[in-house]
C-alpha atoms as a PDB file:
ATOM      1  CA  MET A   1     170.070  39.998  62.594  1.00  0.00           C
ATOM      2  CA  ALA A   2     170.447  36.283  62.628  1.00  0.00           C
ATOM      3  CA  THR A   3     168.816  36.210  66.039  1.00  0.00           C
ATOM      4  CA  ILE A   4     165.781  38.258  64.851  1.00  0.00           C
ATOM      5  CA  THR A   5     165.383  36.118  61.761  1.00  0.00           C
ATOM      6  CA  ALA A   6     165.431  32.969  63.862  1.00  0.00           C
ATOM      7  CA  ALA A   7     162.783  34.442  66.199  1.00  0.00           C
ATOM      8  CA  LYS A   8     160.493  35.282  63.285  1.00  0.00           C
ATOM      9  CA  ALA A   9     160.905  31.829  61.846  1.00  0.00           C
ATOM     10  CA  ALA A  10     160.048  30.338  65.230  1.00  0.00           C
ATOM     11  CA  ALA A  11     156.972  32.561  65.666  1.00  0.00           C
ATOM     12  CA  ALA A  12     155.527  31.846  62.187  1.00  0.00           C
ATOM     13  CA  PRO A  13     154.429  28.284  62.956  1.00  0.00           C
ATOM     14  CA  SER A  14     152.782  29.464  66.142  1.00  0.00           C
ATOM     15  CA  LEU A  15     150.805  32.141  64.293  1.00  0.00           C
ATOM     16  CA  SER A  16     149.742  29.675  61.643  1.00  0.00           C
ATOM     17  CA  ALA A  17     148.615  27.306  64.355  1.00  0.00           C
ATOM     18  CA  LEU A  18     146.535  30.041  65.964  1.00  0.00           C
ATOM     19  CA  THR A  19     144.969  30.902  62.630  1.00  0.00           C
ATOM     20  CA  LEU A  20     143.956  27.321  61.976  1.00  0.00           C
ATOM     21  CA  ALA A  21     142.692  26.828  65.479  1.00  0.00           C
ATOM     22  CA  SER A  22     140.273  29.763  65.271  1.00  0.00           C
ATOM     23  CA  PRO A  23     138.687  29.725  61.790  1.00  0.00           C
ATOM     24  CA  THR A  24     136.208  32.429  62.736  1.00  0.00           C
ATOM     25  CA  PRO A  25     137.757  35.879  62.227  1.00  0.00           C
ATOM     26  CA  PHE A  26     137.640  38.483  64.897  1.00  0.00           C
ATOM     27  CA  PHE A  27     134.993  40.610  63.157  1.00  0.00           C
ATOM     28  CA  SER A  28     132.753  37.666  62.224  1.00  0.00           C
ATOM     29  CA  PHE A  29     130.039  38.759  64.646  1.00  0.00           C
ATOM     30  CA  LEU A  30     129.466  41.830  62.503  1.00  0.00           C
ATOM     31  CA  PHE A  31     128.991  39.812  59.287  1.00  0.00           C
ATOM     32  CA  PRO A  32     127.278  36.518  60.199  1.00  0.00           C
ATOM     33  CA  LYS A  33     127.126  33.689  57.672  1.00  0.00           C
ATOM     34  CA  PRO A  34     123.768  32.902  55.926  1.00  0.00           C
ATOM     35  CA  ILE A  35     121.779  30.110  57.537  1.00  0.00           C
ATOM     36  CA  LYS A  36     120.994  27.136  55.353  1.00  0.00           C
ATOM     37  CA  PRO A  37     117.237  26.426  54.782  1.00  0.00           C
ATOM     38  CA  PHE A  38     115.716  23.881  57.100  1.00  0.00           C
ATOM     39  CA  SER A  39     113.803  21.053  55.431  1.00  0.00           C
ATOM     40  CA  LEU A  40     111.096  19.163  57.332  1.00  0.00           C
ATOM     41  CA  SER A  41     111.028  16.430  54.748  1.00  0.00           C
ATOM     42  CA  ARG A  42     114.653  15.663  55.331  1.00  0.00           C
ATOM     43  CA  SER A  43     114.300  15.868  59.095  1.00  0.00           C
ATOM     44  CA  PHE A  44     111.233  13.587  59.351  1.00  0.00           C
ATOM     45  CA  HIS A  45     112.039  11.312  56.457  1.00  0.00           C
ATOM     46  CA  SER A  46     113.039   8.599  58.838  1.00  0.00           C
ATOM     47  CA  LEU A  47     109.777   9.065  60.841  1.00  0.00           C
ATOM     48  CA  SER A  48     107.411   8.430  57.892  1.00  0.00           C
ATOM     49  CA  LEU A  49     104.305   6.429  58.932  1.00  0.00           C
ATOM     50  CA  THR A  50     103.506   5.130  55.451  1.00  0.00           C
ATOM     51  CA  PRO A  51     104.785   1.592  55.102  1.00  0.00           C
ATOM     52  CA  HIS A  52     106.669   0.859  51.952  1.00  0.00           C
ATOM     53  CA  ALA A  53     105.522  -2.313  50.209  1.00  0.00           C
ATOM     54  CA  LYS A  54     108.176  -4.698  49.173  1.00  0.00           C
ATOM     55  CA  ALA A  55     108.212  -6.656  45.984  1.00  0.00           C
ATOM     56  CA  SER A  56     107.907  -9.894  47.937  1.00  0.00           C
ATOM     57  CA  ASP A  57     104.747  -8.707  49.757  1.00  0.00           C
ATOM     58  CA  ILE A  58     102.648  -8.181  46.589  1.00  0.00           C
ATOM     59  CA  ASP A  59     100.403 -11.126  45.762  1.00  0.00           C
ATOM     60  CA  THR A  60      99.735 -11.377  42.065  1.00  0.00           C
ATOM     61  CA  SER A  61      97.174 -13.913  40.876  1.00  0.00           C
ATOM     62  CA  PHE A  62      97.096 -15.141  37.303  1.00  0.00           C
ATOM     63  CA  PHE A  63      94.057 -16.985  35.964  1.00  0.00           C
ATOM     64  CA  ASP A  64      95.949 -19.085  33.525  1.00  0.00           C
ATOM     65  CA  ASP A  65      94.060 -22.227  34.478  1.00  0.00           C
ATOM     66  CA  LEU A  66      90.597 -20.663  33.833  1.00  0.00           C
ATOM     67  CA  ASP A  67      88.559 -22.440  31.183  1.00  0.00           C
ATOM     68  CA  HIS A  68      86.576 -19.817  29.230  1.00  0.00           C
ATOM     69  CA  GLU A  69      84.381 -22.440  27.541  1.00  0.00           C
ATOM     70  CA  GLU A  70      83.199 -23.932  30.797  1.00  0.00           C
ATOM     71  CA  ASP A  71      79.551 -23.243  31.687  1.00  0.00           C
ATOM     72  CA  VAL A  72      79.395 -21.339  34.956  1.00  0.00           C
ATOM     73  CA  VAL A  73      76.245 -22.071  36.929  1.00  0.00           C
ATOM     74  CA  PHE A  74      74.770 -19.008  38.630  1.00  0.00           C
ATOM     75  CA  ASP A  75      73.811 -19.859  42.165  1.00  0.00           C
ATOM     76  CA  PRO A  76      71.916 -16.896  43.636  1.00  0.00           C
ATOM     77  CA  PRO A  77      71.567 -16.578  47.399  1.00  0.00           C
ATOM     78  CA  THR A  78      68.446 -17.858  49.048  1.00  0.00           C
ATOM     79  CA  PRO A  79      65.831 -15.066  49.428  1.00  0.00           C
ATOM     80  CA  PRO A  80      64.764 -14.263  52.975  1.00  0.00           C
ATOM     81  CA  GLU A  81      61.511 -15.523  54.399  1.00  0.00           C
ATOM     82  CA  GLY A  82      58.475 -13.531  53.314  1.00  0.00           C
ATOM     83  CA  PHE A  83      60.237 -11.951  50.326  1.00  0.00           C
ATOM     84  CA  THR A  84      57.910 -10.922  47.513  1.00  0.00           C
ATOM     85  CA  PRO A  85      59.601 -10.307  44.168  1.00  0.00           C
ATOM     86  CA  PRO A  86      58.651  -7.016  42.475  1.00  0.00           C
ATOM     87  CA  PRO A  87      56.422  -7.213  39.392  1.00  0.00           C
ATOM     88  CA  SER A  88      58.136  -7.232  36.054  1.00  0.00           C
ATOM     89  CA  PHE A  89      57.934  -4.199  33.802  1.00  0.00           C
ATOM     90  CA  ASP A  90      56.389  -6.229  31.000  1.00  0.00           C
ATOM     91  CA  ASP A  91      53.737  -7.825  33.211  1.00  0.00           C
ATOM     92  CA  GLY A  92      51.773  -4.587  33.731  1.00  0.00           C
ATOM     93  CA  PRO A  93      48.874  -3.496  31.521  1.00  0.00           C
ATOM     94  CA  GLU A  94      49.748  -1.834  28.255  1.00  0.00           C
ATOM     95  CA  GLU A  95      49.360   1.934  28.124  1.00  0.00           C
ATOM     96  CA  THR A  96      46.698   3.370  25.891  1.00  0.00           C
ATOM     97  CA  GLU A  97      47.282   6.079  23.329  1.00  0.00           C
ATOM     98  CA  GLU A  98      45.600   8.634  25.600  1.00  0.00           C
ATOM     99  CA  GLU A  99      47.886   7.791  28.524  1.00  0.00           C
ATOM    100  CA  ILE A 100      50.975   8.035  26.321  1.00  0.00           C
ATOM    101  CA  ALA A 101      49.788  11.367  24.905  1.00  0.00           C
ATOM    102  CA  ALA A 102      49.045  12.673  28.410  1.00  0.00           C
ATOM    103  CA  ALA A 103      52.507  11.688  29.641  1.00  0.00           C
ATOM    104  CA  TYR A 104      54.125  13.291  26.596  1.00  0.00           C
ATOM    105  CA  GLU A 105      52.139  16.493  27.078  1.00  0.00           C
ATOM    106  CA  GLU A 106      53.035  16.629  30.775  1.00  0.00           C
ATOM    107  CA  LEU A 107      56.738  16.523  29.891  1.00  0.00           C
ATOM    108  CA  TYR A 108      56.951  18.489  26.643  1.00  0.00           C
ATOM    109  CA  GLY A 109      53.627  20.328  26.289  1.00  0.00           C
ATOM    110  CA  PRO A 110      50.908  19.889  23.656  1.00  0.00           C
ATOM    111  CA  ALA A 111      51.869  17.940  20.564  1.00  0.00           C
ATOM    112  CA  TYR A 112      52.219  19.412  17.095  1.00  0.00           C
ATOM    113  CA  SER A 113      48.740  18.181  16.204  1.00  0.00           C
ATOM    114  CA  GLY A 114      47.282  20.974  18.358  1.00  0.00           C
ATOM    115  CA  ILE A 115      45.206  18.586  20.474  1.00  0.00           C
ATOM    116  CA  SER A 116      45.542  18.902  24.250  1.00  0.00           C
ATOM    117  CA  VAL A 117      44.835  15.802  26.325  1.00  0.00           C
ATOM    118  CA  LEU A 118      45.285  17.513  29.681  1.00  0.00           C
ATOM    119  CA  GLY A 119      43.281  20.590  28.709  1.00  0.00           C
ATOM    120  CA  ASN A 120      46.283  22.888  28.343  1.00  0.00           C
ATOM    121  CA  ASP A 121      46.414  25.953  26.160  1.00  0.00           C
ATOM    122  CA  VAL A 122      47.050  25.111  22.532  1.00  0.00           C
ATOM    123  CA  TYR A 123      46.120  28.513  21.154  1.00  0.00           C
ATOM    124  CA  VAL A 124      49.364  30.193  22.114  1.00  0.00           C
ATOM    125  CA  ILE A 125      49.606  33.381  20.114  1.00  0.00           C
ATOM    126  CA  ASP A 126      53.194  34.316  20.933  1.00  0.00           C
ATOM    127  CA  SER A 127      54.646  31.344  19.054  1.00  0.00           C
ATOM    128  CA  LYS A 128      52.773  32.302  15.865  1.00  0.00           C
ATOM    129  CA  VAL A 129      53.340  36.058  15.905  1.00  0.00           C
ATOM    130  CA  LYS A 130      55.817  37.602  13.494  1.00  0.00           C
ATOM    131  CA  LYS A 131      57.792  40.350  15.164  1.00  0.00           C
ATOM    132  CA  SER A 132      59.505  43.071  13.188  1.00  0.00           C
ATOM    133  CA  SER A 133      61.103  46.199  14.542  1.00  0.00           C
ATOM    134  CA  ALA A 134      59.973  49.553  13.188  1.00  0.00           C
ATOM    135  CA  PHE A 135      61.251  52.812  14.628  1.00  0.00           C
ATOM    136  CA  GLY A 136      62.336  51.121  17.834  1.00  0.00           C
ATOM    137  CA  LYS A 137      58.954  49.450  18.441  1.00  0.00           C
ATOM    138  CA  VAL A 138      57.907  45.845  18.101  1.00  0.00           C
ATOM    139  CA  LYS A 139      55.181  45.329  15.541  1.00  0.00           C
ATOM    140  CA  LYS A 140      52.977  42.258  15.774  1.00  0.00           C
ATOM    141  CA  ASP A 141      50.952  40.958  12.862  1.00  0.00           C
ATOM    142  CA  LYS A 142      47.544  39.418  13.292  1.00  0.00           C
ATOM    143  CA  VAL A 143      47.442  35.694  13.756  1.00  0.00           C
ATOM    144  CA  ARG A 144      45.661  33.767  11.035  1.00  0.00           C
ATOM    145  CA  ASP A 145      44.298  30.905  13.105  1.00  0.00           C
ATOM    146  CA  GLY A 146      40.666  31.111  11.994  1.00  0.00           C
ATOM    147  CA  PHE A 147      39.479  33.284  14.879  1.00  0.00           C
ATOM    148  CA  GLU A 148      37.980  36.703  14.435  1.00  0.00           C
ATOM    149  CA  GLU A 149      38.389  39.453  17.002  1.00  0.00           C
ATOM    150  CA  ARG A 150      35.769  41.922  18.179  1.00  0.00           C
ATOM    151  CA  VAL A 151      36.521  44.701  20.661  1.00  0.00           C
ATOM    152  CA  VAL A 152      33.734  45.006  23.203  1.00  0.00           C
ATOM    153  CA  GLN A 153      35.022  47.906  25.260  1.00  0.00           C
ATOM    154  CA  VAL A 154      38.092  50.079  25.784  1.00  0.00           C
ATOM    155  CA  ARG A 155      38.243  52.081  28.994  1.00  0.00           C
ATOM    156  CA  ARG A 156      40.842  54.298  30.570  1.00  0.00           C
ATOM    157  CA  VAL A 157      41.686  53.146  34.079  1.00  0.00           C
ATOM    158  CA  THR A 158      43.768  54.960  36.688  1.00  0.00           C
ATOM    159  CA  LYS A 159      46.025  53.519  39.326  1.00  0.00           C
ATOM    160  CA  VAL A 160      46.921  55.797  42.253  1.00  0.00           C
ATOM    161  CA  VAL A 161      50.491  55.326  43.445  1.00  0.00           C
ATOM    162  CA  LYS A 162      52.801  57.242  45.734  1.00  0.00           C
ATOM    163  CA  GLY A 163      54.117  59.499  42.986  1.00  0.00           C
ATOM    164  CA  GLY A 164      50.742  60.274  41.453  1.00  0.00           C
ATOM    165  CA  LYS A 165      48.385  58.524  39.029  1.00  0.00           C
ATOM    166  CA  GLN A 166      49.222  55.951  36.362  1.00  0.00           C
ATOM    167  CA  LEU A 167      46.942  55.914  33.329  1.00  0.00           C
ATOM    168  CA  HIS A 168      46.327  52.657  31.485  1.00  0.00           C
ATOM    169  CA  PHE A 169      43.819  51.311  28.978  1.00  0.00           C
ATOM    170  CA  ARG A 170      41.741  48.212  29.588  1.00  0.00           C
ATOM    171  CA  ALA A 171      40.377  46.380  26.570  1.00  0.00           C
ATOM    172  CA  ILE A 172      37.761  43.609  26.423  1.00  0.00           C
ATOM    173  CA  VAL A 173      37.990  41.417  23.324  1.00  0.00           C
ATOM    174  CA  VAL A 174      35.871  38.491  22.171  1.00  0.00           C
ATOM    175  CA  VAL A 175      37.349  35.995  19.711  1.00  0.00           C
ATOM    176  CA  GLY A 176      35.451  33.301  17.865  1.00  0.00           C
ATOM    177  CA  ASP A 177      35.458  31.207  14.707  1.00  0.00           C
ATOM    178  CA  LYS A 178      31.654  31.413  14.196  1.00  0.00           C
ATOM    179  CA  GLN A 179      31.529  27.636  14.361  1.00  0.00           C
ATOM    180  CA  GLY A 180      30.835  27.165  18.052  1.00  0.00           C
ATOM    181  CA  GLN A 181      34.135  28.241  19.611  1.00  0.00           C
ATOM    182  CA  ILE A 182      34.310  31.429  21.642  1.00  0.00           C
ATOM    183  CA  GLY A 183      36.658  33.146  24.085  1.00  0.00           C
ATOM    184  CA  VAL A 184      36.495  36.289  26.235  1.00  0.00           C
ATOM    185  CA  GLY A 185      39.670  38.074  27.302  1.00  0.00           C
ATOM    186  CA  VAL A 186      40.768  41.251  29.037  1.00  0.00           C
ATOM    187  CA  GLY A 187      44.082  43.088  29.009  1.00  0.00           C
ATOM    188  CA  LYS A 188      45.662  46.303  30.265  1.00  0.00           C
ATOM    189  CA  ALA A 189      48.481  48.379  28.774  1.00  0.00           C
ATOM    190  CA  LYS A 190      49.680  51.951  28.440  1.00  0.00           C
ATOM    191  CA  GLU A 191      48.551  52.007  24.796  1.00  0.00           C
ATOM    192  CA  VAL A 192      45.262  50.949  23.250  1.00  0.00           C
ATOM    193  CA  ILE A 193      46.844  48.701  20.627  1.00  0.00           C
ATOM    194  CA  ALA A 194      48.916  46.850  23.198  1.00  0.00           C
ATOM    195  CA  ALA A 195      45.873  46.415  25.433  1.00  0.00           C
ATOM    196  CA  VAL A 196      43.850  44.935  22.569  1.00  0.00           C
ATOM    197  CA  GLN A 197      46.662  42.532  21.712  1.00  0.00           C
ATOM    198  CA  LYS A 198      46.979  41.403  25.319  1.00  0.00           C
ATOM    199  CA  SER A 199      43.256  40.825  25.620  1.00  0.00           C
ATOM    200  CA  ALA A 200      43.232  38.861  22.351  1.00  0.00           C
ATOM    201  CA  VAL A 201      45.952  36.579  23.733  1.00  0.00           C
ATOM    202  CA  ASN A 202      43.972  36.146  26.942  1.00  0.00           C
ATOM    203  CA  ALA A 203      40.806  35.351  24.992  1.00  0.00           C
ATOM    204  CA  ARG A 204      42.567  32.660  22.950  1.00  0.00           C
ATOM    205  CA  ARG A 205      43.651  31.032  26.174  1.00  0.00           C
ATOM    206  CA  ASN A 206      40.029  30.695  27.353  1.00  0.00           C
ATOM    207  CA  ILE A 207      38.361  29.060  24.353  1.00  0.00           C
ATOM    208  CA  ILE A 208      35.155  27.122  24.999  1.00  0.00           C
ATOM    209  CA  THR A 209      32.713  25.305  22.719  1.00  0.00           C
ATOM    210  CA  ILE A 210      29.044  26.286  22.548  1.00  0.00           C
ATOM    211  CA  PRO A 211      26.545  23.454  21.922  1.00  0.00           C
ATOM    212  CA  MET A 212      24.246  24.276  19.001  1.00  0.00           C
ATOM    213  CA  THR A 213      21.583  22.500  17.002  1.00  0.00           C
ATOM    214  CA  LYS A 214      21.353  22.243  13.222  1.00  0.00           C
ATOM    215  CA  TYR A 215      19.248  25.408  13.244  1.00  0.00           C
ATOM    216  CA  LEU A 216      22.169  27.327  14.793  1.00  0.00           C
ATOM    217  CA  THR A 217      20.423  27.919  18.095  1.00  0.00           C
ATOM    218  CA  PHE A 218      20.718  26.622  21.643  1.00  0.00           C
ATOM    219  CA  PRO A 219      19.463  23.147  22.544  1.00  0.00           C
ATOM    220  CA  HIS A 220      17.635  24.471  25.633  1.00  0.00           C
ATOM    221  CA  ARG A 221      17.312  27.540  27.822  1.00  0.00           C
ATOM    222  CA  SER A 222      19.963  28.488  30.347  1.00  0.00           C
ATOM    223  CA  GLU A 223      20.909  31.201  32.792  1.00  0.00           C
ATOM    224  CA  GLY A 224      24.282  32.335  34.050  1.00  0.00           C
ATOM    225  CA  ALA A 225      25.666  34.784  36.579  1.00  0.00           C
ATOM    226  CA  TYR A 226      29.044  36.363  37.052  1.00  0.00           C
ATOM    227  CA  GLY A 227      29.417  38.878  39.837  1.00  0.00           C
ATOM    228  CA  ALA A 228      26.337  41.112  39.845  1.00  0.00           C
ATOM    229  CA  ALA A 229      25.550  40.384  36.180  1.00  0.00           C
ATOM    230  CA  LYS A 230      22.879  37.842  35.251  1.00  0.00           C
ATOM    231  CA  VAL A 231      22.155  36.673  31.717  1.00  0.00           C
ATOM    232  CA  MET A 232      19.195  34.681  30.412  1.00  0.00           C
ATOM    233  CA  LEU A 233      19.515  32.737  27.127  1.00  0.00           C
ATOM    234  CA  ARG A 234      16.648  31.141  25.212  1.00  0.00           C
ATOM    235  CA  PRO A 235      16.588  29.192  21.921  1.00  0.00           C
ATOM    236  CA  ALA A 236      14.642  30.698  19.023  1.00  0.00           C
ATOM    237  CA  ALA A 237      12.989  29.489  15.815  1.00  0.00           C
ATOM    238  CA  PRO A 238      14.819  29.715  12.490  1.00  0.00           C
ATOM    239  CA  GLY A 239      14.695  33.213  11.055  1.00  0.00           C
ATOM    240  CA  THR A 240      14.450  34.956  14.402  1.00  0.00           C
ATOM    241  CA  GLY A 241      18.011  36.212  14.497  1.00  0.00           C
ATOM    242  CA  VAL A 242      19.989  37.232  17.547  1.00  0.00           C
ATOM    243  CA  ILE A 243      17.835  39.366  19.796  1.00  0.00           C
ATOM    244  CA  ALA A 244      20.187  40.557  22.518  1.00  0.00           C
ATOM    245  CA  GLY A 245      22.134  43.639  23.401  1.00  0.00           C
ATOM    246  CA  GLY A 246      25.519  44.693  24.665  1.00  0.00           C
ATOM    247  CA  ALA A 247      28.247  42.146  25.244  1.00  0.00           C
ATOM    248  CA  VAL A 248      25.764  39.240  25.047  1.00  0.00           C
ATOM    249  CA  ARG A 249      25.049  39.954  21.390  1.00  0.00           C
ATOM    250  CA  ILE A 250      28.741  40.156  20.497  1.00  0.00           C
ATOM    251  CA  VAL A 251      29.498  36.852  22.208  1.00  0.00           C
ATOM    252  CA  LEU A 252      26.646  35.052  20.445  1.00  0.00           C
ATOM    253  CA  GLU A 253      27.507  36.500  17.034  1.00  0.00           C
ATOM    254  CA  MET A 254      31.183  35.575  17.302  1.00  0.00           C
ATOM    255  CA  ALA A 255      30.180  32.036  18.290  1.00  0.00           C
ATOM    256  CA  GLY A 256      28.072  31.619  15.159  1.00  0.00           C
ATOM    257  CA  VAL A 257      24.635  31.580  16.822  1.00  0.00           C
ATOM    258  CA  GLU A 258      22.022  32.929  14.374  1.00  0.00           C
ATOM    259  CA  ASN A 259      18.764  32.374  16.252  1.00  0.00           C
ATOM    260  CA  ALA A 260      18.680  33.114  19.955  1.00  0.00           C
ATOM    261  CA  LEU A 261      17.169  35.343  22.619  1.00  0.00           C
ATOM    262  CA  GLY A 262      19.268  36.999  25.306  1.00  0.00           C
ATOM    263  CA  LYS A 263      18.545  39.305  28.183  1.00  0.00           C
ATOM    264  CA  GLN A 264      20.728  41.112  30.733  1.00  0.00           C
ATOM    265  CA  LEU A 265      18.990  40.954  34.111  1.00  0.00           C
ATOM    266  CA  GLY A 266      21.555  42.439  36.489  1.00  0.00           C
ATOM    267  CA  SER A 267      24.511  44.734  36.154  1.00  0.00           C
ATOM    268  CA  LYS A 268      25.292  46.487  32.885  1.00  0.00           C
ATOM    269  CA  ASN A 269      29.039  45.864  33.186  1.00  0.00           C
ATOM    270  CA  ALA A 270      30.287  44.687  29.806  1.00  0.00           C
ATOM    271  CA  LEU A 271      32.966  42.316  31.118  1.00  0.00           C
ATOM    272  CA  ASN A 272      30.728  40.661  33.700  1.00  0.00           C
ATOM    273  CA  ASN A 273      27.910  40.237  31.175  1.00  0.00           C
ATOM    274  CA  ALA A 274      30.254  38.637  28.649  1.00  0.00           C
ATOM    275  CA  ARG A 275      31.554  36.227  31.267  1.00  0.00           C
ATOM    276  CA  ALA A 276      28.016  35.541  32.505  1.00  0.00           C
ATOM    277  CA  THR A 277      27.118  34.569  28.941  1.00  0.00           C
ATOM    278  CA  VAL A 278      30.030  32.126  28.893  1.00  0.00           C
ATOM    279  CA  VAL A 279      28.855  30.654  32.212  1.00  0.00           C
ATOM    280  CA  ALA A 280      25.327  30.199  30.861  1.00  0.00           C
ATOM    281  CA  VAL A 281      26.610  28.526  27.709  1.00  0.00           C
ATOM    282  CA  GLN A 282      28.811  26.115  29.662  1.00  0.00           C
ATOM    283  CA  LYS A 283      25.722  24.829  31.489  1.00  0.00           C
ATOM    284  CA  MET A 284      24.150  23.677  28.225  1.00  0.00           C
ATOM    285  CA  LYS A 285      24.313  20.071  27.017  1.00  0.00           C
ATOM    286  CA  GLN A 286      23.435  18.357  23.797  1.00  0.00           C
ATOM    287  CA  PHE A 287      20.575  15.847  23.737  1.00  0.00           C
ATOM    288  CA  ARG A 288      22.908  12.995  22.924  1.00  0.00           C
ATOM    289  CA  GLU A 289      25.063  13.817  25.963  1.00  0.00           C
ATOM    290  CA  VAL A 290      22.049  13.686  28.284  1.00  0.00           C
ATOM    291  CA  ALA A 291      20.849  10.427  26.752  1.00  0.00           C
ATOM    292  CA  GLN A 292      24.306   8.922  27.112  1.00  0.00           C
ATOM    293  CA  GLU A 293      24.500   9.935  30.769  1.00  0.00           C
ATOM    294  CA  ARG A 294      21.097   8.411  31.477  1.00  0.00           C
ATOM    295  CA  GLY A 295      21.843   5.310  29.431  1.00  0.00           C
ATOM    296  CA  ILE A 296      18.712   5.569  27.266  1.00  0.00           C
ATOM    297  CA  PRO A 297      18.167   6.241  23.563  1.00  0.00           C
ATOM    298  CA  MET A 298      17.433   9.796  22.430  1.00  0.00           C
ATOM    299  CA  GLU A 299      13.846   8.893  21.475  1.00  0.00           C
ATOM    300  CA  GLU A 300      12.946   8.295  25.137  1.00  0.00           C
ATOM    301  CA  LEU A 301      14.012  11.765  26.252  1.00  0.00           C
ATOM    302  CA  TRP A 302      10.670  13.282  25.218  1.00  0.00           C
ATOM    303  CA  LYS A 303       8.474  10.529  26.639  1.00  0.00           C
END
């Protein structure tokens, strides 16, 4: 027994030595140890290309010796040869009121005064219309801007499309203030009321001024043509009235002409005759305008 005990005691250190010498167990290949994460920042930290500034390398300047009360003389560089300085903003001519108004209107539209310098539309109806919903429809009230409306013609027009025919209504409306201003407009819609409203808006966007004398007639005779329609206009003596027919009569009455003669010479189309009347009126000039263009007094026009 003593011999066996001594052998075990002698073999124990050898087994412990073997255990320490091989820390990996026999079945370690079945259960491998987790691999630690690899960090590039740690690996290439020593290979960083960004130089680190040292405290001794930084140059700090302090302007303690600067005198703030000292007058510093500005010494600009010498301009190159042939240099022409640009004109000053204040050296140019002063802008007139018309130029300022035109620039304002070009940026923001006509002013609140209602006067257009660039000839833009100042009779915009949509900004003055009161809209109120009634049974799912939009109701528009009449605009009280001093213009009266007169419907010249309402026709049903048809547009042929792939699926069939589309029916619309075309309305011709003349607006005027009976003081020399007149406008002719046309509009189409699926309903008569909407067509009349559209044409009234279009007429207000085409307002012109008719030259008239103190007897509410034309200063001279004129003729106009639009398409196949031709219109002849003649002045008349006081008390004659408006002797014309069709769209010509409506245009003259809405303009405020009380003594005039008109005749349709070509087509009987109402729209073309109304526009031909506008063309004939735009050819007319007042006597003072002709005298001013010629540079002579009005008395010499009849000599």
